[in-house]
N, C-alpha and C. Protein backbone atom coordinates (compact mmCIF):
# COMPACT_ATOMS: atom_id res chain seq x y z
N GLN A 1 0.75 -19.94 -4.19
CA GLN A 1 0.35 -19.02 -3.73
C GLN A 1 1.04 -17.35 -3.77
N VAL A 2 0.41 -16.46 -3.64
CA VAL A 2 0.78 -15.20 -3.71
C VAL A 2 0.53 -14.71 -2.35
N GLN A 3 1.93 -13.73 -1.52
CA GLN A 3 1.71 -13.46 -0.29
C GLN A 3 2.39 -12.21 -0.47
N LEU A 4 1.70 -11.13 0.55
CA LEU A 4 2.11 -10.07 0.08
C LEU A 4 2.58 -9.82 1.94
N VAL A 5 3.97 -9.03 2.31
CA VAL A 5 4.17 -8.89 3.28
C VAL A 5 4.76 -7.45 3.28
N GLU A 6 3.82 -6.45 4.06
CA GLU A 6 4.34 -5.29 4.58
C GLU A 6 5.44 -4.84 5.37
N SER A 7 5.70 -3.42 5.27
CA SER A 7 7.23 -2.81 6.59
C SER A 7 6.86 -1.83 6.35
N GLY A 8 7.38 -0.94 7.19
CA GLY A 8 7.63 0.39 7.30
C GLY A 8 6.98 1.32 8.17
N GLY A 9 5.43 0.85 8.68
CA GLY A 9 5.14 1.57 9.39
C GLY A 9 5.84 2.26 10.88
N GLY A 10 5.18 3.12 11.73
CA GLY A 10 5.73 3.45 12.59
C GLY A 10 4.85 4.33 13.17
N LEU A 11 5.67 5.11 14.29
CA LEU A 11 5.50 6.36 14.94
C LEU A 11 6.02 7.43 14.56
N VAL A 12 5.05 8.72 13.73
CA VAL A 12 5.71 9.59 13.61
C VAL A 12 4.89 11.11 13.67
N GLN A 13 5.66 11.98 13.77
CA GLN A 13 5.27 13.49 14.48
C GLN A 13 4.20 13.91 13.09
N ALA A 14 3.45 14.98 13.36
CA ALA A 14 2.73 15.34 12.28
C ALA A 14 3.50 16.41 11.52
N GLY A 15 3.78 16.18 9.83
CA GLY A 15 4.63 16.57 9.21
C GLY A 15 5.32 16.12 8.44
N GLY A 16 5.71 14.93 9.35
CA GLY A 16 6.79 14.20 9.44
C GLY A 16 6.58 13.08 7.89
N SER A 17 7.46 12.05 7.93
CA SER A 17 6.98 11.36 6.58
C SER A 17 7.44 10.00 7.28
N LEU A 18 6.95 8.92 6.21
CA LEU A 18 7.27 7.30 6.24
C LEU A 18 7.25 7.06 4.94
N ARG A 19 7.87 5.78 4.54
CA ARG A 19 7.82 5.10 3.68
C ARG A 19 7.75 3.56 3.73
N LEU A 20 6.36 3.29 2.91
CA LEU A 20 5.69 1.70 3.62
C LEU A 20 6.36 0.98 2.31
N SER A 21 6.64 -0.29 2.55
CA SER A 21 7.09 -1.16 1.62
C SER A 21 6.23 -2.21 1.33
N CYS A 22 5.86 -2.86 0.42
CA CYS A 22 5.31 -4.33 0.14
C CYS A 22 6.11 -5.26 -0.80
N ALA A 23 6.25 -6.05 -0.25
CA ALA A 23 6.83 -7.65 -0.94
C ALA A 23 6.10 -8.14 -1.38
N ALA A 24 5.95 -8.88 -2.33
CA ALA A 24 4.74 -10.01 -3.46
C ALA A 24 6.17 -11.04 -3.36
N SER A 25 5.71 -12.46 -2.98
CA SER A 25 6.19 -13.60 -3.14
C SER A 25 5.29 -14.51 -3.60
N GLY A 26 6.00 -15.58 -4.15
CA GLY A 26 5.25 -17.18 -4.56
C GLY A 26 5.89 -17.73 -5.85
N SER A 27 5.03 -18.19 -6.54
CA SER A 27 5.81 -18.72 -8.00
C SER A 27 4.86 -18.44 -9.05
N ALA A 28 4.96 -18.46 -9.99
CA ALA A 28 4.29 -18.58 -11.37
C ALA A 28 3.08 -17.81 -11.35
N TYR A 29 3.33 -16.23 -10.91
CA TYR A 29 2.20 -15.69 -10.74
C TYR A 29 2.53 -14.11 -11.66
N ILE A 30 1.42 -13.79 -12.09
CA ILE A 30 1.83 -12.21 -12.81
C ILE A 30 0.99 -11.20 -12.36
N ILE A 31 1.40 -10.14 -11.50
CA ILE A 31 0.80 -9.25 -10.75
C ILE A 31 0.17 -7.95 -11.58
N ASN A 32 -1.03 -7.76 -11.56
CA ASN A 32 -1.29 -6.22 -12.62
C ASN A 32 -1.71 -5.20 -11.56
N ASN A 33 -2.31 -4.98 -10.99
CA ASN A 33 -2.69 -3.87 -9.78
C ASN A 33 -2.01 -4.05 -8.35
N MET A 34 -1.19 -2.88 -7.97
CA MET A 34 -1.32 -3.18 -6.60
C MET A 34 -1.73 -1.61 -5.60
N GLY A 35 -1.86 -1.74 -4.89
CA GLY A 35 -2.62 -0.94 -3.78
C GLY A 35 -2.19 -0.81 -2.55
N TRP A 36 -2.64 0.37 -2.05
CA TRP A 36 -2.77 0.74 -0.72
C TRP A 36 -4.03 0.89 0.04
N TYR A 37 -4.32 0.66 0.79
CA TYR A 37 -5.42 0.64 1.59
C TYR A 37 -5.36 1.27 3.22
N ARG A 38 -6.30 1.46 3.95
CA ARG A 38 -6.20 1.91 5.24
C ARG A 38 -7.10 1.80 5.65
N GLN A 39 -7.34 1.25 7.10
CA GLN A 39 -8.32 1.23 7.87
C GLN A 39 -8.09 1.78 9.29
N ALA A 40 -8.76 3.11 9.58
CA ALA A 40 -8.69 3.50 10.90
C ALA A 40 -9.69 2.78 12.09
N PRO A 41 -9.65 2.75 13.01
CA PRO A 41 -10.52 2.20 14.34
C PRO A 41 -12.22 3.15 13.90
N GLY A 42 -12.89 1.95 13.86
CA GLY A 42 -14.16 2.03 13.55
C GLY A 42 -14.69 2.87 11.89
N ASN A 43 -13.82 2.60 11.33
CA ASN A 43 -13.85 3.36 9.94
C ASN A 43 -13.85 1.88 8.88
N GLN A 44 -14.51 2.28 7.65
CA GLN A 44 -14.33 0.96 6.69
C GLN A 44 -12.63 1.09 6.08
N ARG A 45 -12.35 0.05 5.68
CA ARG A 45 -11.06 -0.10 4.64
C ARG A 45 -10.97 1.08 3.42
N GLU A 46 -10.47 1.90 3.29
CA GLU A 46 -10.43 2.84 2.04
C GLU A 46 -9.13 2.52 1.51
N LEU A 47 -9.18 3.03 0.13
CA LEU A 47 -8.30 2.99 -0.86
C LEU A 47 -7.50 4.43 -0.57
N VAL A 48 -6.12 4.36 -0.60
CA VAL A 48 -5.52 5.21 -0.34
C VAL A 48 -4.94 5.58 -2.13
N ALA A 49 -4.17 4.77 -2.44
CA ALA A 49 -3.28 5.13 -3.66
C ALA A 49 -3.22 3.20 -4.33
N SER A 50 -3.50 3.34 -5.51
CA SER A 50 -3.16 2.53 -6.33
C SER A 50 -2.41 2.63 -7.89
N ILE A 51 -1.86 1.53 -8.17
CA ILE A 51 -0.99 1.70 -9.37
C ILE A 51 -0.97 0.19 -10.36
N THR A 52 -1.44 0.64 -11.58
CA THR A 52 -1.06 -0.35 -12.53
C THR A 52 0.20 -0.77 -12.70
N ARG A 53 0.23 -1.91 -13.61
CA ARG A 53 1.50 -2.50 -13.94
C ARG A 53 2.33 -1.56 -15.06
N SER A 54 1.54 -0.80 -15.75
CA SER A 54 2.54 -0.17 -16.43
C SER A 54 2.58 1.46 -15.79
N GLY A 55 2.15 1.45 -14.62
CA GLY A 55 2.81 2.48 -13.70
C GLY A 55 1.90 3.90 -13.56
N SER A 56 0.61 3.70 -13.98
CA SER A 56 -0.91 4.34 -14.08
C SER A 56 -1.18 4.67 -12.39
N THR A 57 -1.60 5.49 -12.01
CA THR A 57 -1.72 5.75 -10.21
C THR A 57 -3.18 6.61 -10.50
N ASN A 58 -3.24 6.15 -8.85
CA ASN A 58 -4.57 6.92 -8.54
C ASN A 58 -4.81 7.02 -7.34
N TYR A 59 -4.97 8.25 -6.95
CA TYR A 59 -5.24 8.67 -4.96
C TYR A 59 -6.43 8.86 -4.53
N ALA A 60 -6.74 8.71 -3.60
CA ALA A 60 -7.74 9.29 -2.76
C ALA A 60 -7.58 10.91 -2.74
N ASP A 61 -8.60 11.37 -2.40
CA ASP A 61 -8.53 13.17 -2.80
C ASP A 61 -7.59 13.65 -1.31
N SER A 62 -7.69 13.06 -0.14
CA SER A 62 -7.59 13.32 0.83
C SER A 62 -5.53 13.12 0.94
N VAL A 63 -5.22 12.34 -0.01
CA VAL A 63 -3.75 12.18 -0.01
C VAL A 63 -3.07 13.05 -1.23
N LYS A 64 -3.75 13.39 -1.98
CA LYS A 64 -3.20 13.87 -3.63
C LYS A 64 -2.28 14.74 -2.83
N GLY A 65 -1.11 14.95 -3.86
CA GLY A 65 0.26 15.94 -3.07
C GLY A 65 0.86 15.73 -2.19
N ARG A 66 0.53 14.79 -1.25
CA ARG A 66 1.44 14.34 -0.02
C ARG A 66 1.89 12.82 -0.21
N PHE A 67 1.13 12.27 -1.17
CA PHE A 67 1.42 10.38 -0.93
C PHE A 67 1.91 10.44 -2.38
N THR A 68 2.82 9.28 -2.46
CA THR A 68 3.45 8.89 -4.07
C THR A 68 3.67 7.12 -3.99
N ILE A 69 2.78 6.77 -4.65
CA ILE A 69 3.23 5.16 -4.95
C ILE A 69 3.61 5.07 -5.96
N SER A 70 4.29 3.74 -5.62
CA SER A 70 5.76 3.44 -7.05
C SER A 70 5.96 1.96 -7.00
N ARG A 71 6.17 1.25 -7.91
CA ARG A 71 6.13 -0.22 -7.66
C ARG A 71 7.57 -0.39 -8.86
N ASP A 72 8.22 -1.50 -8.50
CA ASP A 72 9.40 -1.89 -8.89
C ASP A 72 8.84 -3.34 -9.68
N ASN A 73 8.62 -3.23 -10.72
CA ASN A 73 8.25 -4.69 -11.45
C ASN A 73 9.12 -5.82 -11.38
N ALA A 74 10.49 -5.49 -11.34
CA ALA A 74 11.33 -6.82 -11.35
C ALA A 74 11.54 -7.27 -9.69
N LYS A 75 11.09 -6.61 -8.81
CA LYS A 75 11.54 -6.98 -7.48
C LYS A 75 10.40 -7.31 -7.02
N ASN A 76 9.17 -7.04 -7.68
CA ASN A 76 7.72 -7.17 -7.10
C ASN A 76 7.60 -6.39 -5.72
N MET A 77 7.77 -5.40 -5.71
CA MET A 77 7.46 -4.40 -4.79
C MET A 77 6.88 -3.55 -5.48
N VAL A 78 6.20 -2.83 -4.34
CA VAL A 78 5.50 -1.32 -4.26
C VAL A 78 5.48 -0.68 -2.90
N TYR A 79 5.56 0.47 -3.39
CA TYR A 79 5.97 1.53 -2.13
C TYR A 79 5.10 2.85 -2.00
N LEU A 80 5.31 3.35 -0.78
CA LEU A 80 4.14 4.41 -0.52
C LEU A 80 5.08 5.28 0.21
N GLN A 81 5.46 6.41 -0.49
CA GLN A 81 5.86 7.67 0.29
C GLN A 81 5.04 8.74 0.76
N MET A 82 4.70 8.86 1.94
CA MET A 82 3.88 9.30 3.18
C MET A 82 4.71 10.79 3.56
N ASN A 83 4.13 11.98 2.87
CA ASN A 83 4.94 12.95 3.58
C ASN A 83 3.99 14.05 4.17
N SER A 84 4.35 15.06 5.02
CA SER A 84 2.96 15.69 5.35
C SER A 84 2.49 15.09 6.41
N LEU A 85 2.49 14.01 6.81
CA LEU A 85 1.49 13.21 7.61
C LEU A 85 0.51 14.54 8.32
N LYS A 86 -0.34 13.53 8.79
CA LYS A 86 -1.67 14.33 9.41
C LYS A 86 -1.89 13.29 10.31
N SER A 87 -2.48 13.96 11.87
CA SER A 87 -3.24 12.71 12.40
C SER A 87 -4.15 11.78 12.08
N ASP A 88 -4.71 12.28 10.90
CA ASP A 88 -5.94 11.59 10.31
C ASP A 88 -5.61 10.27 9.48
N ASP A 89 -4.04 10.70 9.33
CA ASP A 89 -3.55 9.47 8.12
C ASP A 89 -3.33 8.37 9.11
N THR A 90 -3.14 8.31 10.63
CA THR A 90 -3.09 7.17 11.36
C THR A 90 -4.38 6.12 11.09
N ALA A 91 -3.62 4.95 11.18
CA ALA A 91 -4.63 3.87 10.61
C ALA A 91 -3.41 2.78 10.16
N VAL A 92 -4.24 1.38 10.20
CA VAL A 92 -3.61 -0.09 9.82
C VAL A 92 -3.77 0.52 8.43
N TYR A 93 -2.34 0.33 7.64
CA TYR A 93 -2.28 0.34 6.29
C TYR A 93 -1.88 -1.16 5.48
N TYR A 94 -2.94 -1.36 4.84
CA TYR A 94 -2.81 -2.82 4.17
C TYR A 94 -2.55 -2.73 2.61
N CYS A 95 -1.18 -3.89 2.04
CA CYS A 95 -1.10 -3.89 0.86
C CYS A 95 -2.05 -4.53 0.00
N ASN A 96 -2.05 -4.13 -1.27
CA ASN A 96 -3.09 -5.39 -2.12
C ASN A 96 -2.69 -5.47 -3.22
N ALA A 97 -2.56 -6.56 -3.82
CA ALA A 97 -2.52 -6.84 -5.35
C ALA A 97 -3.11 -8.01 -5.36
N ASP A 98 -3.53 -7.77 -7.39
CA ASP A 98 -4.27 -8.55 -8.10
C ASP A 98 -3.63 -8.82 -9.52
N GLY A 99 -3.77 -9.86 -9.81
CA GLY A 99 -3.27 -10.73 -11.00
C GLY A 99 -3.90 -12.29 -11.53
N VAL A 100 -2.83 -12.78 -12.07
CA VAL A 100 -2.99 -14.02 -12.37
C VAL A 100 -2.03 -15.03 -12.09
N HIS A 101 -2.72 -16.28 -11.36
CA HIS A 101 -1.74 -17.28 -10.80
C HIS A 101 -2.24 -18.26 -11.54
N LEU A 102 -1.09 -19.20 -12.24
CA LEU A 102 -1.40 -20.37 -12.61
C LEU A 102 -3.00 -20.44 -13.12
N PHE A 103 -3.05 -19.41 -14.17
CA PHE A 103 -4.25 -19.15 -15.11
C PHE A 103 -5.31 -19.01 -14.19
N THR A 104 -5.62 -18.81 -12.79
CA THR A 104 -6.43 -18.39 -12.19
C THR A 104 -6.20 -16.95 -11.51
N LYS A 105 -7.19 -15.98 -11.28
CA LYS A 105 -6.96 -14.74 -10.65
C LYS A 105 -6.95 -14.51 -9.41
N TYR A 106 -6.33 -13.56 -8.77
CA TYR A 106 -6.20 -13.58 -7.68
C TYR A 106 -6.48 -12.09 -7.06
N ASN A 107 -6.52 -12.06 -5.61
CA ASN A 107 -6.60 -10.86 -5.06
C ASN A 107 -6.46 -11.22 -3.53
N VAL A 108 -5.19 -10.76 -3.13
CA VAL A 108 -4.47 -10.71 -2.17
C VAL A 108 -4.47 -9.41 -1.16
N TRP A 109 -4.30 -10.02 0.04
CA TRP A 109 -3.96 -8.75 1.08
C TRP A 109 -2.69 -8.85 1.46
N GLY A 110 -1.96 -7.89 2.29
CA GLY A 110 -1.10 -8.29 3.18
C GLY A 110 -1.62 -8.22 4.80
N GLN A 111 -0.79 -8.22 5.55
CA GLN A 111 -1.18 -8.30 7.20
C GLN A 111 -1.22 -6.85 7.57
N GLY A 112 -1.14 -5.91 6.94
CA GLY A 112 -1.11 -4.88 7.72
C GLY A 112 -0.27 -3.97 8.30
N THR A 113 0.12 -2.85 8.37
CA THR A 113 1.50 -2.13 9.26
C THR A 113 0.61 -1.20 9.61
N GLN A 114 0.94 -0.62 11.09
CA GLN A 114 0.49 0.07 11.90
C GLN A 114 1.27 1.55 11.44
N VAL A 115 0.62 2.62 11.06
CA VAL A 115 1.20 3.80 10.65
C VAL A 115 0.24 4.81 11.84
N THR A 116 0.77 5.59 12.89
CA THR A 116 0.40 6.55 13.88
C THR A 116 1.07 7.81 13.67
N VAL A 117 0.45 8.75 13.85
CA VAL A 117 0.75 9.80 13.22
C VAL A 117 0.50 10.88 14.67
N SER A 118 1.58 11.73 15.50
CA SER A 118 1.55 12.09 16.77
C SER A 118 0.88 13.45 16.26
N SER A 119 0.10 14.17 16.90
CA SER A 119 -0.07 15.60 16.63
C SER A 119 0.45 16.58 17.61
């Protein structure tokens, strides 16, 4: 079974930066797309950024120009560099991955990491 573990969240002042990391583990699996989602209290979970295996990226309008998603296929890692953070960025950030494991498609989530931006 594929598992995702996020790290790098924390408390930062507005205008500051954080880098989130997500490590995928398991055996006999292929990762296609990876992404970061976030959920603030009272809100639905929303896509922040995604990246395909070949490196094509997609961003929410609210983070374009401030956040950068990247991945290391050799290490099965995905990263989210967050700059110029705003209080609206406060949320639990979740890593997501989809692909194939033992000839079966999967879609898995990490446990989430809290990002709090103080104004």
